[in-house]
C-alpha cells in the first residue's frame, strides 16, 4: 500500500514508518519542520510539509493514499488550556482525513489509548475513554470507528501510557525528565497504581497489522506489560539516575496528575489471538536500564 502517515518522525511514528517500509509499503509522511522532513526522507519516506492545522495538506495526503495512519498530536502539556488546544486541533484534522476516505473502503488506523476500567484490566471490548483531561481524543476516536458504517475500514490501535524505546518515551519518559529537573524520582500516591507499557518497535508491528487486516470499526491493544507498578518504575529511574525515590504530590504532574495517579492495567489477549501480534522486545523495567545519568 501507499500509506499517508501523520506523526511519522516521533518515537512511535519513526518505528511505524520503518515497519511499513520493511514490509513492502511506501510512505508519505507529514512533516511540520525542515528537520522532520529530513528525518522522514532519510528513513525512506516521502515527506510532505505541514502540520495538523494544515487541513488542505491532510486532505491531499489522504486522497492520494491507499491507507492512512494517524499518530500526530501536539506536545504542549503545560496547562489545561494548552492540552485542550491540542485536542481541538487533532479533532479537526481527523475529521478532514475521515471525510476524504468515506465510501472508499480504504483503511484508516488512528492512535488511541487503553481505557481505564475500575477494578480490572481493560480489554479491547471496553469503550474508548471520553472522560478526563484528554477525553476529547476519545470522542475523536469514536467518530473514526463509527465511520465504518460509511465505507471506511477504520480501526484504532490503543497504546498504553508508556510506549518506550532505549529507556525513553511515554509517561515513564515524563517521570524521568521530571526526576532530572527536581532531583527526586517521584511517583504520585503510594505508587501501587499500575501502568501498561509496550516497546515502540512492538507497537509498530500492530499498526501495520491493523492497516493490513483489521476489520472495520475495531479496536486493538498494543500492550506488552499489562501493568507495571509506578513505584517500581520510579525506583528503576532513580537507580539509573542516582536519585532518591519518594512519593510526591499529584500536582507535580500538572494537568496529567489525575491520570498519573490512576490504576489502569490493560490486556491484549484478544489482539494477540486475533491478529497474531506477539511482542518480542524488552519490557519497560528492563528497557529503563538504558537510561544514562
C-alpha atoms as a PDB file:
ATOM      1  CA  UNK A   1       0.000   0.000   0.000  1.00  0.00           C
ATOM      2  CA  UNK A   2       0.893   3.666  -0.409  1.00  0.00           C
ATOM      3  CA  UNK A   3       0.347   4.967   3.136  1.00  0.00           C
ATOM      4  CA  UNK A   4      -0.066   8.538   4.414  1.00  0.00           C
ATOM      5  CA  UNK A   5       1.289   8.832   7.962  1.00  0.00           C
ATOM      6  CA  UNK A   6       0.938  11.757  10.361  1.00  0.00           C
ATOM      7  CA  UNK A   7       3.436  11.952  13.219  1.00  0.00           C
ATOM      8  CA  UNK A   8       5.862   9.773  11.309  1.00  0.00           C
ATOM      9  CA  UNK A   9       9.115  11.069  12.811  1.00  0.00           C
ATOM     10  CA  UNK A  10       8.439  10.749  16.561  1.00  0.00           C
ATOM     11  CA  UNK A  11       9.434   7.841  18.779  1.00  0.00           C
ATOM     12  CA  UNK A  12       6.401   5.807  17.733  1.00  0.00           C
ATOM     13  CA  UNK A  13       5.996   7.174  14.220  1.00  0.00           C
ATOM     14  CA  UNK A  14       9.570   6.507  13.157  1.00  0.00           C
ATOM     15  CA  UNK A  15       9.151   2.894  14.248  1.00  0.00           C
ATOM     16  CA  UNK A  16       5.864   2.635  12.319  1.00  0.00           C
ATOM     17  CA  UNK A  17       7.406   4.095   9.155  1.00  0.00           C
ATOM     18  CA  UNK A  18      10.331   1.662   9.350  1.00  0.00           C
ATOM     19  CA  UNK A  19       7.931  -1.245   9.900  1.00  0.00           C
ATOM     20  CA  UNK A  20       5.830  -0.255   6.874  1.00  0.00           C
ATOM     21  CA  UNK A  21       8.817   0.237   4.588  1.00  0.00           C
ATOM     22  CA  UNK A  22      10.344  -3.029   5.752  1.00  0.00           C
ATOM     23  CA  UNK A  23       7.201  -4.889   4.742  1.00  0.00           C
ATOM     24  CA  UNK A  24       6.777  -3.616   1.202  1.00  0.00           C
ATOM     25  CA  UNK A  25       4.666  -0.498   1.733  1.00  0.00           C
ATOM     26  CA  UNK A  26       5.542   3.024   0.607  1.00  0.00           C
ATOM     27  CA  UNK A  27       5.060   6.025   2.889  1.00  0.00           C
ATOM     28  CA  UNK A  28       4.242   9.708   2.589  1.00  0.00           C
ATOM     29  CA  UNK A  29       4.979  11.333   5.958  1.00  0.00           C
ATOM     30  CA  UNK A  30       3.563  14.630   7.200  1.00  0.00           C
ATOM     31  CA  UNK A  31       6.455  16.817   8.383  1.00  0.00           C
ATOM     32  CA  UNK A  32       5.903  20.056  10.280  1.00  0.00           C
ATOM     33  CA  UNK A  33       9.548  21.230  10.153  1.00  0.00           C
ATOM     34  CA  UNK A  34      12.616  21.011   7.948  1.00  0.00           C
ATOM     35  CA  UNK A  35      14.224  18.709  10.495  1.00  0.00           C
ATOM     36  CA  UNK A  36      11.227  16.357  10.439  1.00  0.00           C
ATOM     37  CA  UNK A  37      11.192  16.385   6.633  1.00  0.00           C
ATOM     38  CA  UNK A  38      14.882  15.495   6.547  1.00  0.00           C
ATOM     39  CA  UNK A  39      14.343  12.674   9.056  1.00  0.00           C
ATOM     40  CA  UNK A  40      11.431  11.258   7.045  1.00  0.00           C
ATOM     41  CA  UNK A  41      13.435  11.368   3.825  1.00  0.00           C
ATOM     42  CA  UNK A  42      16.438   9.721   5.481  1.00  0.00           C
ATOM     43  CA  UNK A  43      14.150   6.929   6.696  1.00  0.00           C
ATOM     44  CA  UNK A  44      12.973   6.247   3.149  1.00  0.00           C
ATOM     45  CA  UNK A  45       9.608   8.038   3.263  1.00  0.00           C
ATOM     46  CA  UNK A  46       8.425  10.891   1.036  1.00  0.00           C
ATOM     47  CA  UNK A  47       7.987  13.968   3.249  1.00  0.00           C
ATOM     48  CA  UNK A  48       5.212  16.499   2.749  1.00  0.00           C
ATOM     49  CA  UNK A  49       5.438  19.731   4.713  1.00  0.00           C
ATOM     50  CA  UNK A  50       2.575  20.636   7.014  1.00  0.00           C
ATOM     51  CA  UNK A  51       1.052  20.211  10.461  1.00  0.00           C
ATOM     52  CA  UNK A  52      -2.284  19.114  11.868  1.00  0.00           C
ATOM     53  CA  UNK A  53      -3.630  22.594  11.305  1.00  0.00           C
ATOM     54  CA  UNK A  54      -2.981  22.409   7.547  1.00  0.00           C
ATOM     55  CA  UNK A  55      -6.247  20.756   6.558  1.00  0.00           C
ATOM     56  CA  UNK A  56      -5.727  21.040   2.799  1.00  0.00           C
ATOM     57  CA  UNK A  57      -2.409  19.202   3.125  1.00  0.00           C
ATOM     58  CA  UNK A  58      -4.108  16.480   5.152  1.00  0.00           C
ATOM     59  CA  UNK A  59      -6.913  16.111   2.626  1.00  0.00           C
ATOM     60  CA  UNK A  60      -4.443  15.810  -0.243  1.00  0.00           C
ATOM     61  CA  UNK A  61      -2.408  13.213   1.652  1.00  0.00           C
ATOM     62  CA  UNK A  62      -5.465  11.077   2.343  1.00  0.00           C
ATOM     63  CA  UNK A  63      -6.821  11.411  -1.190  1.00  0.00           C
ATOM     64  CA  UNK A  64      -3.596  10.150  -2.738  1.00  0.00           C
ATOM     65  CA  UNK A  65      -3.091   7.227  -0.355  1.00  0.00           C
ATOM     66  CA  UNK A  66      -4.250   3.619  -0.211  1.00  0.00           C
ATOM     67  CA  UNK A  67      -4.474   3.943   3.557  1.00  0.00           C
ATOM     68  CA  UNK A  68      -3.865   6.398   6.412  1.00  0.00           C
ATOM     69  CA  UNK A  69      -2.236   6.036   9.818  1.00  0.00           C
ATOM     70  CA  UNK A  70      -2.740   8.947  12.200  1.00  0.00           C
ATOM     71  CA  UNK A  71      -0.227   9.367  15.036  1.00  0.00           C
ATOM     72  CA  UNK A  72       0.408  13.120  15.367  1.00  0.00           C
ATOM     73  CA  UNK A  73      -0.572  15.122  18.433  1.00  0.00           C
ATOM     74  CA  UNK A  74       0.607  18.428  19.922  1.00  0.00           C
ATOM     75  CA  UNK A  75       3.324  18.187  22.552  1.00  0.00           C
ATOM     76  CA  UNK A  76       2.272  21.077  24.815  1.00  0.00           C
ATOM     77  CA  UNK A  77       1.119  19.634  28.164  1.00  0.00           C
ATOM     78  CA  UNK A  78       1.962  22.769  30.143  1.00  0.00           C
ATOM     79  CA  UNK A  79      -1.608  23.702  31.064  1.00  0.00           C
ATOM     80  CA  UNK A  80      -5.214  22.515  30.728  1.00  0.00           C
ATOM     81  CA  UNK A  81      -5.731  25.204  28.075  1.00  0.00           C
ATOM     82  CA  UNK A  82      -2.767  24.005  26.021  1.00  0.00           C
ATOM     83  CA  UNK A  83      -3.955  20.416  26.275  1.00  0.00           C
ATOM     84  CA  UNK A  84      -7.456  21.423  25.179  1.00  0.00           C
ATOM     85  CA  UNK A  85      -5.949  23.221  22.192  1.00  0.00           C
ATOM     86  CA  UNK A  86      -4.068  20.082  21.190  1.00  0.00           C
ATOM     87  CA  UNK A  87      -7.270  18.039  21.404  1.00  0.00           C
ATOM     88  CA  UNK A  88      -9.270  20.543  19.312  1.00  0.00           C
ATOM     89  CA  UNK A  89      -6.579  20.703  16.632  1.00  0.00           C
ATOM     90  CA  UNK A  90      -6.462  16.921  16.364  1.00  0.00           C
ATOM     91  CA  UNK A  91     -10.240  16.646  16.177  1.00  0.00           C
ATOM     92  CA  UNK A  92     -10.430  18.983  13.178  1.00  0.00           C
ATOM     93  CA  UNK A  93      -7.523  17.201  11.473  1.00  0.00           C
ATOM     94  CA  UNK A  94      -9.039  13.752  11.909  1.00  0.00           C
ATOM     95  CA  UNK A  95     -12.416  14.956  10.682  1.00  0.00           C
ATOM     96  CA  UNK A  96     -10.729  16.209   7.496  1.00  0.00           C
ATOM     97  CA  UNK A  97      -8.880  12.916   6.982  1.00  0.00           C
ATOM     98  CA  UNK A  98     -12.020  10.854   7.550  1.00  0.00           C
ATOM     99  CA  UNK A  99     -14.045  12.888   5.068  1.00  0.00           C
ATOM    100  CA  UNK A 100     -11.600  12.026   2.288  1.00  0.00           C
ATOM    101  CA  UNK A 101     -11.948   8.297   2.968  1.00  0.00           C
ATOM    102  CA  UNK A 102     -15.751   7.997   3.131  1.00  0.00           C
ATOM    103  CA  UNK A 103     -17.054   5.333   0.737  1.00  0.00           C
ATOM    104  CA  UNK A 104     -13.586   4.155  -0.300  1.00  0.00           C
ATOM    105  CA  UNK A 105     -13.192   1.026   1.892  1.00  0.00           C
ATOM    106  CA  UNK A 106      -9.610   2.178   2.472  1.00  0.00           C
ATOM    107  CA  UNK A 107      -8.032   1.617   5.901  1.00  0.00           C
ATOM    108  CA  UNK A 108      -7.733   4.417   8.437  1.00  0.00           C
ATOM    109  CA  UNK A 109      -5.801   3.470  11.578  1.00  0.00           C
ATOM    110  CA  UNK A 110      -5.978   6.017  14.381  1.00  0.00           C
ATOM    111  CA  UNK A 111      -3.900   6.062  17.531  1.00  0.00           C
ATOM    112  CA  UNK A 112      -5.813   5.844  20.788  1.00  0.00           C
ATOM    113  CA  UNK A 113      -5.212   5.000  24.430  1.00  0.00           C
ATOM    114  CA  UNK A 114      -6.125   1.994  26.517  1.00  0.00           C
ATOM    115  CA  UNK A 115      -9.227   2.808  28.601  1.00  0.00           C
ATOM    116  CA  UNK A 116      -9.429   2.869  32.363  1.00  0.00           C
ATOM    117  CA  UNK A 117     -11.798   0.325  33.910  1.00  0.00           C
ATOM    118  CA  UNK A 118     -12.221   0.311  37.710  1.00  0.00           C
ATOM    119  CA  UNK A 119     -11.052  -2.862  39.411  1.00  0.00           C
ATOM    120  CA  UNK A 120      -9.725  -4.796  36.428  1.00  0.00           C
ATOM    121  CA  UNK A 121      -7.550  -4.729  33.344  1.00  0.00           C
ATOM    122  CA  UNK A 122      -9.270  -3.107  30.376  1.00  0.00           C
ATOM    123  CA  UNK A 123      -9.868  -5.143  27.235  1.00  0.00           C
ATOM    124  CA  UNK A 124     -10.488  -4.411  23.573  1.00  0.00           C
ATOM    125  CA  UNK A 125     -14.240  -4.774  24.198  1.00  0.00           C
ATOM    126  CA  UNK A 126     -14.308  -1.804  26.577  1.00  0.00           C
ATOM    127  CA  UNK A 127     -15.398   1.534  25.098  1.00  0.00           C
ATOM    128  CA  UNK A 128     -12.903   4.272  24.392  1.00  0.00           C
ATOM    129  CA  UNK A 129     -12.494   6.657  27.315  1.00  0.00           C
ATOM    130  CA  UNK A 130     -14.149  10.052  26.819  1.00  0.00           C
ATOM    131  CA  UNK A 131     -13.610  11.470  30.326  1.00  0.00           C
ATOM    132  CA  UNK A 132     -10.690  13.276  31.903  1.00  0.00           C
ATOM    133  CA  UNK A 133      -8.164  15.804  30.588  1.00  0.00           C
ATOM    134  CA  UNK A 134      -7.851  14.133  27.187  1.00  0.00           C
ATOM    135  CA  UNK A 135     -11.378  12.763  26.933  1.00  0.00           C
ATOM    136  CA  UNK A 136     -11.929  14.741  23.749  1.00  0.00           C
ATOM    137  CA  UNK A 137      -9.474  12.460  21.989  1.00  0.00           C
ATOM    138  CA  UNK A 138     -11.770   9.560  22.832  1.00  0.00           C
ATOM    139  CA  UNK A 139     -14.665  11.307  21.123  1.00  0.00           C
ATOM    140  CA  UNK A 140     -12.498  11.741  18.020  1.00  0.00           C
ATOM    141  CA  UNK A 141     -11.524   8.066  18.002  1.00  0.00           C
ATOM    142  CA  UNK A 142     -15.150   7.017  18.478  1.00  0.00           C
ATOM    143  CA  UNK A 143     -16.162   9.077  15.449  1.00  0.00           C
ATOM    144  CA  UNK A 144     -13.476   7.402  13.349  1.00  0.00           C
ATOM    145  CA  UNK A 145     -14.632   3.922  14.360  1.00  0.00           C
ATOM    146  CA  UNK A 146     -18.226   4.871  13.572  1.00  0.00           C
ATOM    147  CA  UNK A 147     -17.126   5.841  10.053  1.00  0.00           C
ATOM    148  CA  UNK A 148     -17.004   2.096   9.362  1.00  0.00           C
ATOM    149  CA  UNK A 149     -20.715   2.396   8.573  1.00  0.00           C
ATOM    150  CA  UNK A 150     -19.829   4.912   5.830  1.00  0.00           C
ATOM    151  CA  UNK A 151     -17.302   2.854   3.935  1.00  0.00           C
ATOM    152  CA  UNK A 152     -14.093   3.444   5.876  1.00  0.00           C
ATOM    153  CA  UNK A 153     -12.087   0.434   7.086  1.00  0.00           C
ATOM    154  CA  UNK A 154     -11.422   2.212  10.327  1.00  0.00           C
ATOM    155  CA  UNK A 155      -9.578   0.798  13.325  1.00  0.00           C
ATOM    156  CA  UNK A 156      -7.916   2.102  16.479  1.00  0.00           C
ATOM    157  CA  UNK A 157      -4.641   0.936  17.962  1.00  0.00           C
ATOM    158  CA  UNK A 158      -4.836   1.709  21.650  1.00  0.00           C
ATOM    159  CA  UNK A 159      -1.464   2.481  23.147  1.00  0.00           C
ATOM    160  CA  UNK A 160      -0.632   2.115  26.839  1.00  0.00           C
ATOM    161  CA  UNK A 161       0.541   5.017  28.962  1.00  0.00           C
ATOM    162  CA  UNK A 162       4.178   4.245  28.195  1.00  0.00           C
ATOM    163  CA  UNK A 163       5.491   3.431  24.738  1.00  0.00           C
ATOM    164  CA  UNK A 164       9.232   3.156  25.199  1.00  0.00           C
ATOM    165  CA  UNK A 165      12.499   2.613  23.361  1.00  0.00           C
ATOM    166  CA  UNK A 166      16.001   2.804  24.841  1.00  0.00           C
ATOM    167  CA  UNK A 167      14.605   3.894  28.198  1.00  0.00           C
ATOM    168  CA  UNK A 168      12.656   6.882  26.891  1.00  0.00           C
ATOM    169  CA  UNK A 169       9.085   7.615  25.895  1.00  0.00           C
ATOM    170  CA  UNK A 170       5.586   7.932  27.302  1.00  0.00           C
ATOM    171  CA  UNK A 171       4.693   8.534  30.935  1.00  0.00           C
ATOM    172  CA  UNK A 172       7.879   6.822  32.142  1.00  0.00           C
ATOM    173  CA  UNK A 173       9.850   9.257  29.997  1.00  0.00           C
ATOM    174  CA  UNK A 174       7.992  12.154  31.633  1.00  0.00           C
ATOM    175  CA  UNK A 175       8.838  10.740  35.075  1.00  0.00           C
ATOM    176  CA  UNK A 176      12.478  10.625  34.030  1.00  0.00           C
ATOM    177  CA  UNK A 177      12.504  14.217  32.799  1.00  0.00           C
ATOM    178  CA  UNK A 178      10.805  15.477  35.960  1.00  0.00           C
ATOM    179  CA  UNK A 179      13.269  13.496  38.090  1.00  0.00           C
ATOM    180  CA  UNK A 180      16.185  15.176  36.319  1.00  0.00           C
ATOM    181  CA  UNK A 181      14.612  18.598  36.926  1.00  0.00           C
ATOM    182  CA  UNK A 182      13.681  18.112  40.573  1.00  0.00           C
ATOM    183  CA  UNK A 183      16.403  15.786  41.832  1.00  0.00           C
ATOM    184  CA  UNK A 184      13.824  13.265  43.056  1.00  0.00           C
ATOM    185  CA  UNK A 185      12.467  10.218  41.237  1.00  0.00           C
ATOM    186  CA  UNK A 186       8.871  10.653  42.292  1.00  0.00           C
ATOM    187  CA  UNK A 187       5.548   8.893  41.979  1.00  0.00           C
ATOM    188  CA  UNK A 188       2.034  10.048  42.956  1.00  0.00           C
ATOM    189  CA  UNK A 189       0.270   8.481  45.918  1.00  0.00           C
ATOM    190  CA  UNK A 190       1.569   5.151  47.212  1.00  0.00           C
ATOM    191  CA  UNK A 191       2.885   4.102  43.798  1.00  0.00           C
ATOM    192  CA  UNK A 192       0.804   0.928  43.731  1.00  0.00           C
ATOM    193  CA  UNK A 193      -1.112   2.075  40.650  1.00  0.00           C
ATOM    194  CA  UNK A 194      -0.188   0.146  37.517  1.00  0.00           C
ATOM    195  CA  UNK A 195       0.629   1.432  34.049  1.00  0.00           C
ATOM    196  CA  UNK A 196       0.625  -0.810  30.970  1.00  0.00           C
ATOM    197  CA  UNK A 197       3.554  -0.467  28.567  1.00  0.00           C
ATOM    198  CA  UNK A 198       4.886  -1.569  25.186  1.00  0.00           C
ATOM    199  CA  UNK A 199       8.124  -1.228  23.254  1.00  0.00           C
ATOM    200  CA  UNK A 200       7.773   1.138  20.283  1.00  0.00           C
ATOM    201  CA  UNK A 201       9.043  -1.499  17.859  1.00  0.00           C
ATOM    202  CA  UNK A 202       6.356  -3.941  19.003  1.00  0.00           C
ATOM    203  CA  UNK A 203       3.652  -1.265  18.767  1.00  0.00           C
ATOM    204  CA  UNK A 204       4.766  -0.528  15.199  1.00  0.00           C
ATOM    205  CA  UNK A 205       4.063  -4.112  14.174  1.00  0.00           C
ATOM    206  CA  UNK A 206       0.496  -3.825  15.446  1.00  0.00           C
ATOM    207  CA  UNK A 207      -0.119  -0.629  13.478  1.00  0.00           C
ATOM    208  CA  UNK A 208       0.958  -2.470  10.326  1.00  0.00           C
ATOM    209  CA  UNK A 209      -1.234  -5.476  11.099  1.00  0.00           C
ATOM    210  CA  UNK A 210      -4.239  -3.228  11.711  1.00  0.00           C
ATOM    211  CA  UNK A 211      -3.608  -1.423   8.432  1.00  0.00           C
ATOM    212  CA  UNK A 212      -3.372  -4.691   6.522  1.00  0.00           C
ATOM    213  CA  UNK A 213      -6.161  -6.777   8.006  1.00  0.00           C
ATOM    214  CA  UNK A 214      -8.221  -5.196  10.796  1.00  0.00           C
ATOM    215  CA  UNK A 215     -11.980  -5.386  10.324  1.00  0.00           C
ATOM    216  CA  UNK A 216     -13.853  -2.046  10.124  1.00  0.00           C
ATOM    217  CA  UNK A 217     -14.759  -0.399  13.406  1.00  0.00           C
ATOM    218  CA  UNK A 218     -12.411  -2.442  15.588  1.00  0.00           C
ATOM    219  CA  UNK A 219     -10.073  -1.531  18.453  1.00  0.00           C
ATOM    220  CA  UNK A 220      -6.796  -3.281  19.317  1.00  0.00           C
ATOM    221  CA  UNK A 221      -4.478  -3.154  22.320  1.00  0.00           C
ATOM    222  CA  UNK A 222      -0.743  -2.656  21.864  1.00  0.00           C
ATOM    223  CA  UNK A 223       0.002  -3.873  25.385  1.00  0.00           C
ATOM    224  CA  UNK A 224       3.057  -5.945  26.268  1.00  0.00           C
ATOM    225  CA  UNK A 225       3.285  -5.267  30.035  1.00  0.00           C
ATOM    226  CA  UNK A 226      -0.213  -5.499  31.494  1.00  0.00           C
ATOM    227  CA  UNK A 227       0.685  -3.227  34.403  1.00  0.00           C
ATOM    228  CA  UNK A 228       3.974  -2.147  36.000  1.00  0.00           C
ATOM    229  CA  UNK A 229       3.708  -0.527  39.452  1.00  0.00           C
ATOM    230  CA  UNK A 230       4.553   3.164  39.214  1.00  0.00           C
ATOM    231  CA  UNK A 231       6.683   2.877  42.358  1.00  0.00           C
ATOM    232  CA  UNK A 232       8.761   0.210  40.577  1.00  0.00           C
ATOM    233  CA  UNK A 233       9.096   2.449  37.512  1.00  0.00           C
ATOM    234  CA  UNK A 234      10.245   5.346  39.707  1.00  0.00           C
ATOM    235  CA  UNK A 235      12.690   3.049  41.533  1.00  0.00           C
ATOM    236  CA  UNK A 236      14.227   1.925  38.250  1.00  0.00           C
ATOM    237  CA  UNK A 237      14.583   5.546  37.140  1.00  0.00           C
ATOM    238  CA  UNK A 238      16.066   6.571  40.477  1.00  0.00           C
ATOM    239  CA  UNK A 239      18.592   3.767  40.356  1.00  0.00           C
ATOM    240  CA  UNK A 240      19.771   4.773  36.893  1.00  0.00           C
ATOM    241  CA  UNK A 241      19.977   8.472  37.767  1.00  0.00           C
ATOM    242  CA  UNK A 242      21.332   8.030  41.281  1.00  0.00           C
ATOM    243  CA  UNK A 243      18.389   9.915  42.807  1.00  0.00           C
ATOM    244  CA  UNK A 244      16.187   9.346  45.878  1.00  0.00           C
ATOM    245  CA  UNK A 245      12.803   7.730  45.225  1.00  0.00           C
ATOM    246  CA  UNK A 246       9.730   9.022  47.060  1.00  0.00           C
ATOM    247  CA  UNK A 247       6.067   9.915  46.787  1.00  0.00           C
ATOM    248  CA  UNK A 248       5.345  13.421  45.524  1.00  0.00           C
ATOM    249  CA  UNK A 249       2.114  15.468  45.262  1.00  0.00           C
ATOM    250  CA  UNK A 250      -0.159  14.680  42.333  1.00  0.00           C
ATOM    251  CA  UNK A 251       0.053  18.361  41.387  1.00  0.00           C
ATOM    252  CA  UNK A 252       3.696  17.785  40.421  1.00  0.00           C
ATOM    253  CA  UNK A 253       2.426  16.412  37.113  1.00  0.00           C
ATOM    254  CA  UNK A 254       0.166  19.337  36.211  1.00  0.00           C
ATOM    255  CA  UNK A 255      -2.887  18.509  34.064  1.00  0.00           C
ATOM    256  CA  UNK A 256      -1.745  14.875  33.823  1.00  0.00           C
ATOM    257  CA  UNK A 257      -1.692  14.378  37.602  1.00  0.00           C
ATOM    258  CA  UNK A 258      -5.108  12.729  37.736  1.00  0.00           C
ATOM    259  CA  UNK A 259      -4.118  10.243  35.042  1.00  0.00           C
ATOM    260  CA  UNK A 260      -0.731   9.573  36.648  1.00  0.00           C
ATOM    261  CA  UNK A 261      -2.419   8.647  39.934  1.00  0.00           C
ATOM    262  CA  UNK A 262      -4.888   6.169  38.388  1.00  0.00           C
ATOM    263  CA  UNK A 263      -4.530   2.385  38.397  1.00  0.00           C
ATOM    264  CA  UNK A 264      -5.031   1.412  34.746  1.00  0.00           C
ATOM    265  CA  UNK A 265      -3.797  -2.081  33.780  1.00  0.00           C
ATOM    266  CA  UNK A 266      -4.767  -3.381  30.354  1.00  0.00           C
ATOM    267  CA  UNK A 267      -4.914  -6.696  28.486  1.00  0.00           C
ATOM    268  CA  UNK A 268      -4.083  -7.511  24.868  1.00  0.00           C
ATOM    269  CA  UNK A 269      -5.255 -11.140  24.842  1.00  0.00           C
ATOM    270  CA  UNK A 270      -7.837 -10.606  22.077  1.00  0.00           C
ATOM    271  CA  UNK A 271      -5.370  -8.675  19.914  1.00  0.00           C
ATOM    272  CA  UNK A 272      -2.764 -11.394  20.177  1.00  0.00           C
ATOM    273  CA  UNK A 273      -5.228 -14.174  19.410  1.00  0.00           C
ATOM    274  CA  UNK A 274      -6.994 -12.432  16.522  1.00  0.00           C
ATOM    275  CA  UNK A 275      -4.197 -10.566  14.719  1.00  0.00           C
ATOM    276  CA  UNK A 276      -1.329 -12.845  15.710  1.00  0.00           C
ATOM    277  CA  UNK A 277       0.578  -9.997  17.326  1.00  0.00           C
ATOM    278  CA  UNK A 278       3.271 -11.027  19.791  1.00  0.00           C
ATOM    279  CA  UNK A 279       5.671  -8.573  21.477  1.00  0.00           C
ATOM    280  CA  UNK A 280       9.325  -9.603  21.260  1.00  0.00           C
ATOM    281  CA  UNK A 281      11.249  -6.596  22.606  1.00  0.00           C
ATOM    282  CA  UNK A 282      12.257  -5.799  26.220  1.00  0.00           C
ATOM    283  CA  UNK A 283       9.615  -4.800  28.742  1.00  0.00           C
ATOM    284  CA  UNK A 284       9.595  -1.378  30.359  1.00  0.00           C
ATOM    285  CA  UNK A 285      11.545  -2.125  33.542  1.00  0.00           C
ATOM    286  CA  UNK A 286      14.281  -3.856  31.541  1.00  0.00           C
ATOM    287  CA  UNK A 287      14.377  -1.040  28.995  1.00  0.00           C
ATOM    288  CA  UNK A 288      14.777   1.606  31.728  1.00  0.00           C
ATOM    289  CA  UNK A 289      18.284   0.270  32.363  1.00  0.00           C
ATOM    290  CA  UNK A 290      19.213   2.131  29.164  1.00  0.00           C
ATOM    291  CA  UNK A 291      18.718   5.489  30.924  1.00  0.00           C
ATOM    292  CA  UNK A 292      22.026   7.303  31.337  1.00  0.00           C
ATOM    293  CA  UNK A 293      22.719   9.787  34.174  1.00  0.00           C
END
